[in-house]
Structures are given as C-alpha cells and as structure tokens.
C-alpha cells in the first residue's frame, strides 16, 4: 500500500517548489514534510525529488503525483455523487487537475471548455502552456494528467480522441506586405522579411513555408513574442509576418489591419485530446466539455482515427 501522507507531501513539494512552502501549505513543519518524502523514497526504493531551487520531480515522482491526482479525482466524484459513502470528508479540498494546452487553443476554443467544466463542479485547473507539438511530451512524462496535442499517434498508456483541425493563415499588415512583398511572396523576399515566432519551439512558419514550396536555406530574421495578444498586435503594427489562427484574427482580417500573404494557402493543424487510460472515468466530465467546445469551433478532421 502506498503511503498517502507521503504522496501528499511529495505533491506539495513539487507543486510549491520547496519543502518550506509545502510545509506552509500542509500546515506542518518543513522537517515533517522532509521526513514523509524520505520515508516514501525509502519505501519505493527510488529518488522522487530533485532538491534544488525549485525542487523538481523525477519521472517516478511525477508518476506518483499523477496517481495521487487520479485517486483524488475518483474520491471527489464519489463524494459528489454518494456523499454518505464518505461521511465526514465534505470539507476535503477540491482536486487540482494539471493540463497542458497550446496557447492558440487557449485563446480561442479551450476557454469555453474550461468554463463549462468549472461551472459544473468545484475542481481546480492548473494549466501548462506549451507548443502543441510538445504538450504530448508533458503527458508522457507524467507532468500533466491530460493534454491538447498535435500528436495523433498513440501515447503509451493513454487514450486519444481527435478534436478537429485549427486553421492558420500567414498574415501581416498591409504596409508590411507592401514594403517587403512588392514583387510577390517569393523565397527571396521571405528570406529578408522579418518573421514573428511565438517562442523557440514555434515551427508553424517553417511548416507553412515548406508546404507552399517557399522554404529557403537562409533563415529569415525573426522576432520572438510569447503572447498571443502581443503576437497579433506586433503583426498589425508591421513588425513582421506570422501564422495566426483564423478564429483569432477574423476581426483583423475583416477590418483589413491584417492581410493574408497568400489568401488561398491556409495551414490546417490537427489537434487531439489525450489522457491516461486509468483516468478515463475520473476525467469523463472534463473530456465531454473539451469535445463539445472543440466541435463548436474546430473543423472536422479529414480522417478521424
């Protein structure tokens, strides 16, 4: 049997980043937290916490925290639907679900999923923002319990559902396009024109260039701006061109403050919802909210698998 007092101490350390802050959260002394984690490590025979600033979890530590989250979710659902079975636990804290989602989904359709989910219960959400090509890795490593990902291939131990496709368009301000693409959107012009990227993981611009046969060996100058609002605004004021979800910049396209570089050349990115099979029951309500929000906003995948 696992030591759940030790698991709670471990989870608090990884969530808070230090033994001292974990102790304040649990209302015990730092030495008590340290002792509980040490005992858990001895029982499992593995190092679970990498001591540092902040403290981080080993893969085994993250897996145990994921297990604790699933147990807390199951108990929470049981308490909600059958309160008499867990008498005296009504004051138990609401569970927190750690999720990974890409910034573009969060800025468009995923907010509706979160609103519907939180309106139907008191569970708390802890979101990790990452590129859709990398959110699946956070799920594999046990850092989160569910993720919106561009990975349609099977993730070991996980169920995956197709959500739909998010359509992107390459766009810039009218002045930027007139200045840099007066002779057309050519590889030579694209190699000189400044490009907007969200962060170093952002490869949407390169994917679009390759799909249109416009990729060059010369890397274009680029601005990195990890803010969806700031990214759109930077393109509006002429800093560079970038890839935008059409759902996010529909107003700018209609007003003409952003113009597509090639109007008939969108990039469709498939998105999927994934979580551990062992959490299917405890995450069923969240999954329903995510699927409903995706259906309302995303295009249907050509081949759902």
C-alpha atoms as a PDB file:
ATOM      1  CA  UNK A   1       0.000   0.000   0.000  1.00  0.00           C
ATOM      2  CA  UNK A   2       1.201   3.468  -0.833  1.00  0.00           C
ATOM      3  CA  UNK A   3       1.703   6.000   1.939  1.00  0.00           C
ATOM      4  CA  UNK A   4      -0.792   8.706   1.009  1.00  0.00           C
ATOM      5  CA  UNK A   5       0.504  11.136   3.621  1.00  0.00           C
ATOM      6  CA  UNK A   6       3.871  10.816   1.913  1.00  0.00           C
ATOM      7  CA  UNK A   7       2.264  11.232  -1.510  1.00  0.00           C
ATOM      8  CA  UNK A   8       0.534  14.412  -0.394  1.00  0.00           C
ATOM      9  CA  UNK A   9       3.826  15.765   0.927  1.00  0.00           C
ATOM     10  CA  UNK A  10       5.576  14.853  -2.324  1.00  0.00           C
ATOM     11  CA  UNK A  11       2.873  16.515  -4.415  1.00  0.00           C
ATOM     12  CA  UNK A  12       3.027  19.659  -2.282  1.00  0.00           C
ATOM     13  CA  UNK A  13       6.815  19.898  -2.664  1.00  0.00           C
ATOM     14  CA  UNK A  14       6.629  19.549  -6.452  1.00  0.00           C
ATOM     15  CA  UNK A  15       3.709  21.956  -6.721  1.00  0.00           C
ATOM     16  CA  UNK A  16       5.200  24.612  -4.423  1.00  0.00           C
ATOM     17  CA  UNK A  17       8.837  24.127  -5.460  1.00  0.00           C
ATOM     18  CA  UNK A  18      10.275  23.866  -1.945  1.00  0.00           C
ATOM     19  CA  UNK A  19       9.878  21.955   1.309  1.00  0.00           C
ATOM     20  CA  UNK A  20       9.271  25.180   3.238  1.00  0.00           C
ATOM     21  CA  UNK A  21       6.363  26.325   1.051  1.00  0.00           C
ATOM     22  CA  UNK A  22       4.964  22.778   1.010  1.00  0.00           C
ATOM     23  CA  UNK A  23       5.034  22.777   4.815  1.00  0.00           C
ATOM     24  CA  UNK A  24       3.066  26.031   4.938  1.00  0.00           C
ATOM     25  CA  UNK A  25       0.515  24.602   2.509  1.00  0.00           C
ATOM     26  CA  UNK A  26       0.121  21.418   4.572  1.00  0.00           C
ATOM     27  CA  UNK A  27       0.258  23.252   7.938  1.00  0.00           C
ATOM     28  CA  UNK A  28       3.152  21.136   9.224  1.00  0.00           C
ATOM     29  CA  UNK A  29       6.856  21.743   9.770  1.00  0.00           C
ATOM     30  CA  UNK A  30       9.415  21.503   6.952  1.00  0.00           C
ATOM     31  CA  UNK A  31      11.093  18.646   8.824  1.00  0.00           C
ATOM     32  CA  UNK A  32       7.804  16.731   8.826  1.00  0.00           C
ATOM     33  CA  UNK A  33       7.484  17.175   5.059  1.00  0.00           C
ATOM     34  CA  UNK A  34      11.100  16.085   4.566  1.00  0.00           C
ATOM     35  CA  UNK A  35      10.562  13.029   6.738  1.00  0.00           C
ATOM     36  CA  UNK A  36       7.423  11.990   4.852  1.00  0.00           C
ATOM     37  CA  UNK A  37       9.129  12.313   1.474  1.00  0.00           C
ATOM     38  CA  UNK A  38      12.221  10.483   2.723  1.00  0.00           C
ATOM     39  CA  UNK A  39      10.073   7.626   4.028  1.00  0.00           C
ATOM     40  CA  UNK A  40       8.229   7.416   0.721  1.00  0.00           C
ATOM     41  CA  UNK A  41      11.531   7.304  -1.167  1.00  0.00           C
ATOM     42  CA  UNK A  42      12.749   4.511   1.104  1.00  0.00           C
ATOM     43  CA  UNK A  43       9.566   2.507   0.581  1.00  0.00           C
ATOM     44  CA  UNK A  44       9.658   2.889  -3.211  1.00  0.00           C
ATOM     45  CA  UNK A  45      13.425   2.478  -3.404  1.00  0.00           C
ATOM     46  CA  UNK A  46      13.739   5.486  -5.735  1.00  0.00           C
ATOM     47  CA  UNK A  47      14.652   9.152  -5.602  1.00  0.00           C
ATOM     48  CA  UNK A  48      11.433  11.096  -6.083  1.00  0.00           C
ATOM     49  CA  UNK A  49      12.533  14.706  -5.595  1.00  0.00           C
ATOM     50  CA  UNK A  50      15.488  16.504  -7.142  1.00  0.00           C
ATOM     51  CA  UNK A  51      16.415  19.006  -4.426  1.00  0.00           C
ATOM     52  CA  UNK A  52      17.099  22.461  -5.787  1.00  0.00           C
ATOM     53  CA  UNK A  53      15.569  25.880  -6.407  1.00  0.00           C
ATOM     54  CA  UNK A  54      12.925  24.975  -7.290  1.00  0.00           C
ATOM     55  CA  UNK A  55      12.598  21.324  -6.292  1.00  0.00           C
ATOM     56  CA  UNK A  56      11.516  19.160  -9.215  1.00  0.00           C
ATOM     57  CA  UNK A  57      10.292  15.610  -9.510  1.00  0.00           C
ATOM     58  CA  UNK A  58      11.999  12.644 -11.051  1.00  0.00           C
ATOM     59  CA  UNK A  59       9.948  10.638 -13.554  1.00  0.00           C
ATOM     60  CA  UNK A  60       8.956   8.275 -10.726  1.00  0.00           C
ATOM     61  CA  UNK A  61       7.991  11.232  -8.537  1.00  0.00           C
ATOM     62  CA  UNK A  62       5.825  12.747 -11.256  1.00  0.00           C
ATOM     63  CA  UNK A  63       4.141   9.381 -11.873  1.00  0.00           C
ATOM     64  CA  UNK A  64       3.271   9.045  -8.207  1.00  0.00           C
ATOM     65  CA  UNK A  65       1.826  12.563  -8.155  1.00  0.00           C
ATOM     66  CA  UNK A  66      -0.255  11.694 -11.217  1.00  0.00           C
ATOM     67  CA  UNK A  67      -1.550   8.619  -9.389  1.00  0.00           C
ATOM     68  CA  UNK A  68      -2.485  10.763  -6.383  1.00  0.00           C
ATOM     69  CA  UNK A  69      -4.370  13.193  -8.640  1.00  0.00           C
ATOM     70  CA  UNK A  70      -6.385  10.335 -10.113  1.00  0.00           C
ATOM     71  CA  UNK A  71      -7.229   8.973  -6.673  1.00  0.00           C
ATOM     72  CA  UNK A  72      -8.308  12.429  -5.510  1.00  0.00           C
ATOM     73  CA  UNK A  73     -10.491  12.840  -8.598  1.00  0.00           C
ATOM     74  CA  UNK A  74     -12.176   9.488  -8.028  1.00  0.00           C
ATOM     75  CA  UNK A  75     -12.785  10.272  -4.367  1.00  0.00           C
ATOM     76  CA  UNK A  76     -14.097  13.702  -5.286  1.00  0.00           C
ATOM     77  CA  UNK A  77     -16.575  12.234  -7.770  1.00  0.00           C
ATOM     78  CA  UNK A  78     -17.662   9.615  -5.232  1.00  0.00           C
ATOM     79  CA  UNK A  79     -18.121  12.315  -2.596  1.00  0.00           C
ATOM     80  CA  UNK A  80     -20.196  14.379  -5.036  1.00  0.00           C
ATOM     81  CA  UNK A  81     -22.466  11.549  -6.182  1.00  0.00           C
ATOM     82  CA  UNK A  82     -22.584   9.405  -2.998  1.00  0.00           C
ATOM     83  CA  UNK A  83     -21.878  11.668  -0.029  1.00  0.00           C
ATOM     84  CA  UNK A  84     -22.955   9.069   2.515  1.00  0.00           C
ATOM     85  CA  UNK A  85     -20.141   6.733   1.486  1.00  0.00           C
ATOM     86  CA  UNK A  86     -17.504   9.220   2.548  1.00  0.00           C
ATOM     87  CA  UNK A  87     -19.099  10.710   5.609  1.00  0.00           C
ATOM     88  CA  UNK A  88     -17.008  13.329   7.351  1.00  0.00           C
ATOM     89  CA  UNK A  89     -14.976  14.213   4.247  1.00  0.00           C
ATOM     90  CA  UNK A  90     -17.181  17.010   2.969  1.00  0.00           C
ATOM     91  CA  UNK A  91     -14.502  19.551   3.850  1.00  0.00           C
ATOM     92  CA  UNK A  92     -11.830  17.803   1.767  1.00  0.00           C
ATOM     93  CA  UNK A  93     -10.111  20.242  -0.618  1.00  0.00           C
ATOM     94  CA  UNK A  94     -11.147  20.196  -4.258  1.00  0.00           C
ATOM     95  CA  UNK A  95      -8.700  18.336  -6.510  1.00  0.00           C
ATOM     96  CA  UNK A  96      -6.486  20.244  -8.927  1.00  0.00           C
ATOM     97  CA  UNK A  97      -6.100  18.967 -12.490  1.00  0.00           C
ATOM     98  CA  UNK A  98      -2.855  19.781 -14.292  1.00  0.00           C
ATOM     99  CA  UNK A  99      -3.430  20.196 -18.028  1.00  0.00           C
ATOM    100  CA  UNK A 100      -1.175  21.052 -20.991  1.00  0.00           C
ATOM    101  CA  UNK A 101      -2.615  23.134 -23.824  1.00  0.00           C
ATOM    102  CA  UNK A 102      -1.216  25.225 -26.651  1.00  0.00           C
ATOM    103  CA  UNK A 103      -1.615  28.996 -26.473  1.00  0.00           C
ATOM    104  CA  UNK A 104      -3.727  29.265 -29.633  1.00  0.00           C
ATOM    105  CA  UNK A 105      -6.301  26.785 -28.333  1.00  0.00           C
ATOM    106  CA  UNK A 106      -6.400  28.613 -25.004  1.00  0.00           C
ATOM    107  CA  UNK A 107      -7.010  31.916 -26.792  1.00  0.00           C
ATOM    108  CA  UNK A 108      -9.867  30.518 -28.881  1.00  0.00           C
ATOM    109  CA  UNK A 109     -11.960  27.438 -28.067  1.00  0.00           C
ATOM    110  CA  UNK A 110     -10.419  25.873 -24.927  1.00  0.00           C
ATOM    111  CA  UNK A 111     -11.616  28.682 -22.647  1.00  0.00           C
ATOM    112  CA  UNK A 112     -15.198  27.572 -23.367  1.00  0.00           C
ATOM    113  CA  UNK A 113     -14.306  24.025 -22.306  1.00  0.00           C
ATOM    114  CA  UNK A 114     -12.852  25.270 -19.030  1.00  0.00           C
ATOM    115  CA  UNK A 115     -15.856  27.496 -18.371  1.00  0.00           C
ATOM    116  CA  UNK A 116     -18.284  24.615 -18.883  1.00  0.00           C
ATOM    117  CA  UNK A 117     -16.218  22.285 -16.710  1.00  0.00           C
ATOM    118  CA  UNK A 118     -15.740  24.655 -13.784  1.00  0.00           C
ATOM    119  CA  UNK A 119     -19.419  25.644 -13.880  1.00  0.00           C
ATOM    120  CA  UNK A 120     -20.366  22.015 -13.220  1.00  0.00           C
ATOM    121  CA  UNK A 121     -18.112  21.370 -10.222  1.00  0.00           C
ATOM    122  CA  UNK A 122     -15.512  22.815  -7.879  1.00  0.00           C
ATOM    123  CA  UNK A 123     -12.404  21.121  -9.323  1.00  0.00           C
ATOM    124  CA  UNK A 124      -9.480  23.473  -9.926  1.00  0.00           C
ATOM    125  CA  UNK A 125      -7.370  23.710 -13.070  1.00  0.00           C
ATOM    126  CA  UNK A 126      -3.612  24.243 -13.359  1.00  0.00           C
ATOM    127  CA  UNK A 127      -2.644  24.901 -16.987  1.00  0.00           C
ATOM    128  CA  UNK A 128       0.777  24.476 -18.565  1.00  0.00           C
ATOM    129  CA  UNK A 129       1.148  26.395 -21.844  1.00  0.00           C
ATOM    130  CA  UNK A 130       3.305  24.730 -24.476  1.00  0.00           C
ATOM    131  CA  UNK A 131       3.521  24.215 -28.216  1.00  0.00           C
ATOM    132  CA  UNK A 132       1.010  21.646 -29.469  1.00  0.00           C
ATOM    133  CA  UNK A 133       3.917  19.560 -30.752  1.00  0.00           C
ATOM    134  CA  UNK A 134       5.312  19.307 -27.211  1.00  0.00           C
ATOM    135  CA  UNK A 135       2.284  19.028 -24.915  1.00  0.00           C
ATOM    136  CA  UNK A 136       2.199  15.269 -25.523  1.00  0.00           C
ATOM    137  CA  UNK A 137       5.670  15.003 -24.035  1.00  0.00           C
ATOM    138  CA  UNK A 138       4.432  16.577 -20.811  1.00  0.00           C
ATOM    139  CA  UNK A 139       1.754  13.901 -20.677  1.00  0.00           C
ATOM    140  CA  UNK A 140       4.265  11.106 -21.341  1.00  0.00           C
ATOM    141  CA  UNK A 141       6.497  12.366 -18.535  1.00  0.00           C
ATOM    142  CA  UNK A 142       3.636  12.449 -16.034  1.00  0.00           C
ATOM    143  CA  UNK A 143       3.777  16.222 -15.608  1.00  0.00           C
ATOM    144  CA  UNK A 144       0.104  16.660 -16.523  1.00  0.00           C
ATOM    145  CA  UNK A 145      -2.980  14.462 -16.388  1.00  0.00           C
ATOM    146  CA  UNK A 146      -4.373  15.470 -19.811  1.00  0.00           C
ATOM    147  CA  UNK A 147      -3.275  17.456 -22.848  1.00  0.00           C
ATOM    148  CA  UNK A 148      -4.355  19.072 -26.086  1.00  0.00           C
ATOM    149  CA  UNK A 149      -1.746  17.864 -28.537  1.00  0.00           C
ATOM    150  CA  UNK A 150      -0.938  17.635 -32.229  1.00  0.00           C
ATOM    151  CA  UNK A 151       0.203  14.037 -31.697  1.00  0.00           C
ATOM    152  CA  UNK A 152      -2.268  11.698 -33.344  1.00  0.00           C
ATOM    153  CA  UNK A 153      -0.072   8.661 -32.835  1.00  0.00           C
ATOM    154  CA  UNK A 154      -0.653   6.502 -29.787  1.00  0.00           C
ATOM    155  CA  UNK A 155       0.843   7.675 -26.492  1.00  0.00           C
ATOM    156  CA  UNK A 156       1.718   4.712 -24.288  1.00  0.00           C
ATOM    157  CA  UNK A 157      -0.953   4.097 -21.679  1.00  0.00           C
ATOM    158  CA  UNK A 158      -3.206   6.882 -22.974  1.00  0.00           C
ATOM    159  CA  UNK A 159      -6.497   7.262 -24.804  1.00  0.00           C
ATOM    160  CA  UNK A 160      -6.545   9.786 -27.637  1.00  0.00           C
ATOM    161  CA  UNK A 161      -9.553  11.479 -29.258  1.00  0.00           C
ATOM    162  CA  UNK A 162      -9.479  13.634 -32.419  1.00  0.00           C
ATOM    163  CA  UNK A 163     -10.714  17.154 -31.712  1.00  0.00           C
ATOM    164  CA  UNK A 164     -10.547  18.693 -35.173  1.00  0.00           C
ATOM    165  CA  UNK A 165      -8.252  20.980 -37.116  1.00  0.00           C
ATOM    166  CA  UNK A 166      -7.243  24.533 -36.306  1.00  0.00           C
ATOM    167  CA  UNK A 167      -6.804  26.617 -39.453  1.00  0.00           C
ATOM    168  CA  UNK A 168      -3.916  29.072 -39.633  1.00  0.00           C
ATOM    169  CA  UNK A 169      -3.190  31.828 -42.130  1.00  0.00           C
ATOM    170  CA  UNK A 170       0.096  33.609 -42.818  1.00  0.00           C
ATOM    171  CA  UNK A 171      -0.620  37.320 -42.407  1.00  0.00           C
ATOM    172  CA  UNK A 172       0.963  40.718 -41.942  1.00  0.00           C
ATOM    173  CA  UNK A 173      -0.082  44.355 -42.020  1.00  0.00           C
ATOM    174  CA  UNK A 174      -0.865  45.981 -45.406  1.00  0.00           C
ATOM    175  CA  UNK A 175       2.134  48.291 -45.001  1.00  0.00           C
ATOM    176  CA  UNK A 176       4.463  45.403 -44.162  1.00  0.00           C
ATOM    177  CA  UNK A 177       3.308  43.416 -47.189  1.00  0.00           C
ATOM    178  CA  UNK A 178       3.683  46.441 -49.495  1.00  0.00           C
ATOM    179  CA  UNK A 179       7.177  47.089 -48.143  1.00  0.00           C
ATOM    180  CA  UNK A 180       8.541  43.538 -48.226  1.00  0.00           C
ATOM    181  CA  UNK A 181       6.491  41.773 -50.905  1.00  0.00           C
ATOM    182  CA  UNK A 182       6.018  44.428 -53.558  1.00  0.00           C
ATOM    183  CA  UNK A 183       7.197  41.935 -56.188  1.00  0.00           C
ATOM    184  CA  UNK A 184       5.277  38.997 -54.737  1.00  0.00           C
ATOM    185  CA  UNK A 185       5.651  36.468 -51.935  1.00  0.00           C
ATOM    186  CA  UNK A 186       8.850  34.833 -53.173  1.00  0.00           C
ATOM    187  CA  UNK A 187      11.533  32.783 -51.391  1.00  0.00           C
ATOM    188  CA  UNK A 188      13.980  35.672 -51.799  1.00  0.00           C
ATOM    189  CA  UNK A 189      11.570  38.164 -50.246  1.00  0.00           C
ATOM    190  CA  UNK A 190      10.680  35.780 -47.398  1.00  0.00           C
ATOM    191  CA  UNK A 191      14.366  35.298 -46.602  1.00  0.00           C
ATOM    192  CA  UNK A 192      14.650  39.044 -45.949  1.00  0.00           C
ATOM    193  CA  UNK A 193      11.294  39.889 -44.377  1.00  0.00           C
ATOM    194  CA  UNK A 194      11.159  39.720 -40.555  1.00  0.00           C
ATOM    195  CA  UNK A 195       9.155  36.759 -39.232  1.00  0.00           C
ATOM    196  CA  UNK A 196       7.212  36.573 -35.976  1.00  0.00           C
ATOM    197  CA  UNK A 197       7.552  33.421 -33.862  1.00  0.00           C
ATOM    198  CA  UNK A 198       5.836  32.686 -30.543  1.00  0.00           C
ATOM    199  CA  UNK A 199       8.928  31.088 -28.977  1.00  0.00           C
ATOM    200  CA  UNK A 200      11.833  28.856 -29.943  1.00  0.00           C
ATOM    201  CA  UNK A 201       9.528  25.807 -30.193  1.00  0.00           C
ATOM    202  CA  UNK A 202       7.252  27.502 -32.739  1.00  0.00           C
ATOM    203  CA  UNK A 203       7.651  25.792 -36.122  1.00  0.00           C
ATOM    204  CA  UNK A 204       4.364  26.791 -37.775  1.00  0.00           C
ATOM    205  CA  UNK A 205       6.020  29.359 -40.023  1.00  0.00           C
ATOM    206  CA  UNK A 206       8.549  26.800 -41.307  1.00  0.00           C
ATOM    207  CA  UNK A 207       5.773  24.232 -41.857  1.00  0.00           C
ATOM    208  CA  UNK A 208       3.796  26.716 -43.916  1.00  0.00           C
ATOM    209  CA  UNK A 209       6.820  27.735 -45.982  1.00  0.00           C
ATOM    210  CA  UNK A 210       7.628  24.105 -46.723  1.00  0.00           C
ATOM    211  CA  UNK A 211       4.017  23.320 -47.626  1.00  0.00           C
ATOM    212  CA  UNK A 212       3.980  26.205 -50.094  1.00  0.00           C
ATOM    213  CA  UNK A 213       7.383  25.367 -51.568  1.00  0.00           C
ATOM    214  CA  UNK A 214       8.813  28.653 -50.296  1.00  0.00           C
ATOM    215  CA  UNK A 215      11.403  27.402 -47.818  1.00  0.00           C
ATOM    216  CA  UNK A 216      14.961  28.689 -48.262  1.00  0.00           C
ATOM    217  CA  UNK A 217      18.324  27.792 -46.801  1.00  0.00           C
ATOM    218  CA  UNK A 218      18.688  31.331 -45.494  1.00  0.00           C
ATOM    219  CA  UNK A 219      16.950  31.834 -42.168  1.00  0.00           C
ATOM    220  CA  UNK A 220      14.809  34.947 -42.120  1.00  0.00           C
ATOM    221  CA  UNK A 221      15.262  37.494 -39.307  1.00  0.00           C
ATOM    222  CA  UNK A 222      12.748  36.799 -36.565  1.00  0.00           C
ATOM    223  CA  UNK A 223      11.121  38.359 -33.540  1.00  0.00           C
ATOM    224  CA  UNK A 224      10.046  36.085 -30.653  1.00  0.00           C
ATOM    225  CA  UNK A 225       6.989  37.209 -28.702  1.00  0.00           C
ATOM    226  CA  UNK A 226       5.337  34.646 -26.363  1.00  0.00           C
ATOM    227  CA  UNK A 227       1.976  36.396 -26.032  1.00  0.00           C
ATOM    228  CA  UNK A 228      -0.979  35.762 -28.318  1.00  0.00           C
ATOM    229  CA  UNK A 229      -2.308  39.296 -27.981  1.00  0.00           C
ATOM    230  CA  UNK A 230       1.169  40.752 -28.369  1.00  0.00           C
ATOM    231  CA  UNK A 231       1.925  38.490 -31.339  1.00  0.00           C
ATOM    232  CA  UNK A 232      -1.174  39.616 -33.225  1.00  0.00           C
ATOM    233  CA  UNK A 233      -0.577  43.245 -32.332  1.00  0.00           C
ATOM    234  CA  UNK A 234       3.063  43.055 -33.446  1.00  0.00           C
ATOM    235  CA  UNK A 235       1.947  41.879 -36.870  1.00  0.00           C
ATOM    236  CA  UNK A 236      -0.705  44.619 -37.024  1.00  0.00           C
ATOM    237  CA  UNK A 237       1.892  47.324 -36.419  1.00  0.00           C
ATOM    238  CA  UNK A 238       4.250  45.911 -39.049  1.00  0.00           C
ATOM    239  CA  UNK A 239       6.979  44.191 -37.030  1.00  0.00           C
ATOM    240  CA  UNK A 240       6.751  41.018 -39.110  1.00  0.00           C
ATOM    241  CA  UNK A 241       4.524  38.354 -40.615  1.00  0.00           C
ATOM    242  CA  UNK A 242       3.357  35.272 -38.778  1.00  0.00           C
ATOM    243  CA  UNK A 243       0.941  32.359 -38.615  1.00  0.00           C
ATOM    244  CA  UNK A 244      -2.377  33.148 -36.924  1.00  0.00           C
ATOM    245  CA  UNK A 245      -5.454  31.032 -36.121  1.00  0.00           C
ATOM    246  CA  UNK A 246      -8.202  32.342 -38.388  1.00  0.00           C
ATOM    247  CA  UNK A 247     -10.609  32.185 -35.428  1.00  0.00           C
ATOM    248  CA  UNK A 248      -8.366  34.588 -33.514  1.00  0.00           C
ATOM    249  CA  UNK A 249      -7.832  37.237 -36.215  1.00  0.00           C
ATOM    250  CA  UNK A 250     -11.179  37.136 -38.048  1.00  0.00           C
ATOM    251  CA  UNK A 251     -11.848  40.721 -36.948  1.00  0.00           C
ATOM    252  CA  UNK A 252      -8.455  41.967 -38.134  1.00  0.00           C
ATOM    253  CA  UNK A 253      -8.836  40.226 -41.498  1.00  0.00           C
ATOM    254  CA  UNK A 254     -12.319  41.724 -41.944  1.00  0.00           C
ATOM    255  CA  UNK A 255     -11.084  45.197 -40.980  1.00  0.00           C
ATOM    256  CA  UNK A 256      -8.016  44.913 -43.198  1.00  0.00           C
ATOM    257  CA  UNK A 257      -5.477  45.549 -40.441  1.00  0.00           C
ATOM    258  CA  UNK A 258      -4.050  42.120 -41.263  1.00  0.00           C
ATOM    259  CA  UNK A 259      -3.835  40.683 -44.756  1.00  0.00           C
ATOM    260  CA  UNK A 260      -3.053  37.116 -45.815  1.00  0.00           C
ATOM    261  CA  UNK A 261       0.250  36.713 -47.638  1.00  0.00           C
ATOM    262  CA  UNK A 262      -1.316  34.040 -49.842  1.00  0.00           C
ATOM    263  CA  UNK A 263      -5.119  34.107 -49.407  1.00  0.00           C
ATOM    264  CA  UNK A 264      -5.733  30.575 -50.678  1.00  0.00           C
ATOM    265  CA  UNK A 265      -2.940  28.867 -48.753  1.00  0.00           C
ATOM    266  CA  UNK A 266      -4.011  28.080 -45.171  1.00  0.00           C
ATOM    267  CA  UNK A 267      -2.295  25.591 -42.873  1.00  0.00           C
ATOM    268  CA  UNK A 268      -4.537  23.107 -41.063  1.00  0.00           C
ATOM    269  CA  UNK A 269      -3.162  21.694 -37.795  1.00  0.00           C
ATOM    270  CA  UNK A 270      -4.921  18.609 -36.337  1.00  0.00           C
ATOM    271  CA  UNK A 271      -5.500  18.588 -32.595  1.00  0.00           C
ATOM    272  CA  UNK A 272      -6.179  15.699 -30.210  1.00  0.00           C
ATOM    273  CA  UNK A 273      -7.208  15.251 -26.584  1.00  0.00           C
ATOM    274  CA  UNK A 274      -5.236  12.677 -24.616  1.00  0.00           C
ATOM    275  CA  UNK A 275      -5.096  11.389 -21.054  1.00  0.00           C
ATOM    276  CA  UNK A 276      -4.082   8.165 -19.260  1.00  0.00           C
ATOM    277  CA  UNK A 277      -6.488   5.255 -19.717  1.00  0.00           C
ATOM    278  CA  UNK A 278      -6.529   4.809 -15.965  1.00  0.00           C
ATOM    279  CA  UNK A 279      -8.043   8.300 -15.636  1.00  0.00           C
ATOM    280  CA  UNK A 280     -10.833   7.818 -18.177  1.00  0.00           C
ATOM    281  CA  UNK A 281     -13.606   7.544 -15.593  1.00  0.00           C
ATOM    282  CA  UNK A 282     -12.405  10.391 -13.399  1.00  0.00           C
ATOM    283  CA  UNK A 283     -11.887  12.697 -16.408  1.00  0.00           C
ATOM    284  CA  UNK A 284     -15.073  11.816 -18.284  1.00  0.00           C
ATOM    285  CA  UNK A 285     -16.844  15.112 -17.498  1.00  0.00           C
ATOM    286  CA  UNK A 286     -13.811  17.192 -18.491  1.00  0.00           C
ATOM    287  CA  UNK A 287     -13.454  15.185 -21.702  1.00  0.00           C
ATOM    288  CA  UNK A 288     -17.103  15.836 -22.580  1.00  0.00           C
ATOM    289  CA  UNK A 289     -16.611  19.581 -22.060  1.00  0.00           C
ATOM    290  CA  UNK A 290     -13.440  19.600 -24.188  1.00  0.00           C
ATOM    291  CA  UNK A 291     -15.051  17.624 -27.019  1.00  0.00           C
ATOM    292  CA  UNK A 292     -18.142  19.882 -27.052  1.00  0.00           C
ATOM    293  CA  UNK A 293     -16.070  23.074 -27.192  1.00  0.00           C
ATOM    294  CA  UNK A 294     -13.877  21.658 -29.952  1.00  0.00           C
ATOM    295  CA  UNK A 295     -16.894  20.667 -32.061  1.00  0.00           C
ATOM    296  CA  UNK A 296     -18.221  24.216 -31.830  1.00  0.00           C
ATOM    297  CA  UNK A 297     -15.005  25.845 -33.061  1.00  0.00           C
ATOM    298  CA  UNK A 298     -12.673  23.448 -34.878  1.00  0.00           C
ATOM    299  CA  UNK A 299     -13.074  21.941 -38.323  1.00  0.00           C
ATOM    300  CA  UNK A 300     -13.651  18.193 -38.536  1.00  0.00           C
ATOM    301  CA  UNK A 301     -10.527  16.136 -39.123  1.00  0.00           C
ATOM    302  CA  UNK A 302     -10.473  14.701 -42.673  1.00  0.00           C
ATOM    303  CA  UNK A 303      -9.671  11.231 -41.298  1.00  0.00           C
ATOM    304  CA  UNK A 304     -10.531  10.761 -37.649  1.00  0.00           C
ATOM    305  CA  UNK A 305      -8.580   7.933 -36.038  1.00  0.00           C
END
